[in-house]
Amino acid sequence: MRGKGRIYKRANSSHWWIAYQQRGKEIRESSNSDDLEKAENLLEKRLREVANDREGIKAFVGPQQDRLTVGQVLDALETDYKLNGGKALPQFKAHLKPIRDYFGDTKASRVTTRIVDRYIESRLAEKKLGSTVNRETALLRHAFRLAIENKVLSAGPKIRRLKESSPRTGFFGLADFEKTVSFLPDHLQGFARFGFLCGWRKSELRSLAWAAVDGRELRLGPEHSKNGIGRVLVLEGELWSIIERQKKMREYENADGTISFSSYVFHLAGQPIGDFRKAWASACKKADVPGKLFHDLRRTAVRNMRRAHVSEGVAMLISGHRTRSIFERYNIIDDHELGEAMAQTQAYLSTLPSESKIASIAETKAEAAR
């Protein structure tokens, strides 16, 4: 039995069943057939897989693994993400969706590196950026790793990581920003101005409720922060002016003509700001800055704070950057700054003496000989 397995029938079943040993454990599975020859073929296949696993040729894939789909593996990943307090669930699901759509009910044990490569090729053919594809395949890689850790899969495919283009370096000059804002709908103007000044993410601005405004302080809860760390923003100058203007815009009219007050600082008819990509693109086009992103305001805010000599630590607290490496990607240095640096360097050099005041050894010896 140990090396050859066995074929048998269960009571009240017309199907043949097989049993075999894999790493000291007996595995039983139905052949799903009353044909003895099919059961014999399945047993032979399983024994060959066990032998390959034992010799390190190929990991064993048993009946449970063989039934597991990519969709189920992704379900487990999503559950794990929620249990671990994942904050950006909509973004997480958005990256997961194309993976689900492509692989569907594909058996997880049959996903190979080549199959994943075909997925990558299909996404690139849709003009998706390498960074976007990497975010998606990273979730697939994590899902397989989790399945292996939970011992529901023996192995997963090797998933390549594409080379990503350099980080965007877009930012707004004050004049271009003011011009762009002038073409935005009224409900987006304060939203954009707030982002320009403090560099907060769209999702963070969308979540801001009046309950978070405490006097001249604004408290962002960790549940609304991408990195899971809450922070406090002091409402000085123009930031406070924006809040005061938003208070005057808090009322909105319901469909039945009654008046209500929005619980959100930035809103449209009482609801948080939704997708405004079309309105943003239109405003940028009219302002002669096509292609600019709302996220460029985040880069701009970081650059402006550093130019204003705000310390790096304080700037990171305001913008919500958790690591210095990511912060530095937003701390953009442009050609004008490089030019200023060279001018300052040359101005410094011009103050130095043009001739050395230190005598050479030869000159010193000659002087001594006189």
Foldseek 3Di string as FASTA:
>chain_A
DALQWDWDDDPPDLWIKTWYDAPRDIDIDTLPDNDVVSRNVVSVVQSVLSVCCVVVNDNRQDPLLQQAFLVNLLVVLLVVCVVVPQQPSVVLVVLQVLVCVQRPRPRQQPDEQVNLVVSVVVVVVVVDFLVSSQSNVVSSVVSQVVCCVVVSDVDGYDYDRDDGDADDQDADDPVLLVQLLVQFPPLCNLVLVLCLAQLEDLQQLLPFFPVQDDPQKGWRALSSANVSDIAIDGQDDVSVVSQVVLQVVQWDADPVGDIDGARHSRDDRNHGDDDCVVSSQVSCVVSVNHPDDSSSSNLNNLLVCVVVVNDPVVSCRRNVPDDPVVSVSSNDDDPVNVVVVVVVVVVVVVPDDPDDPDDDPVVVVVVVVD
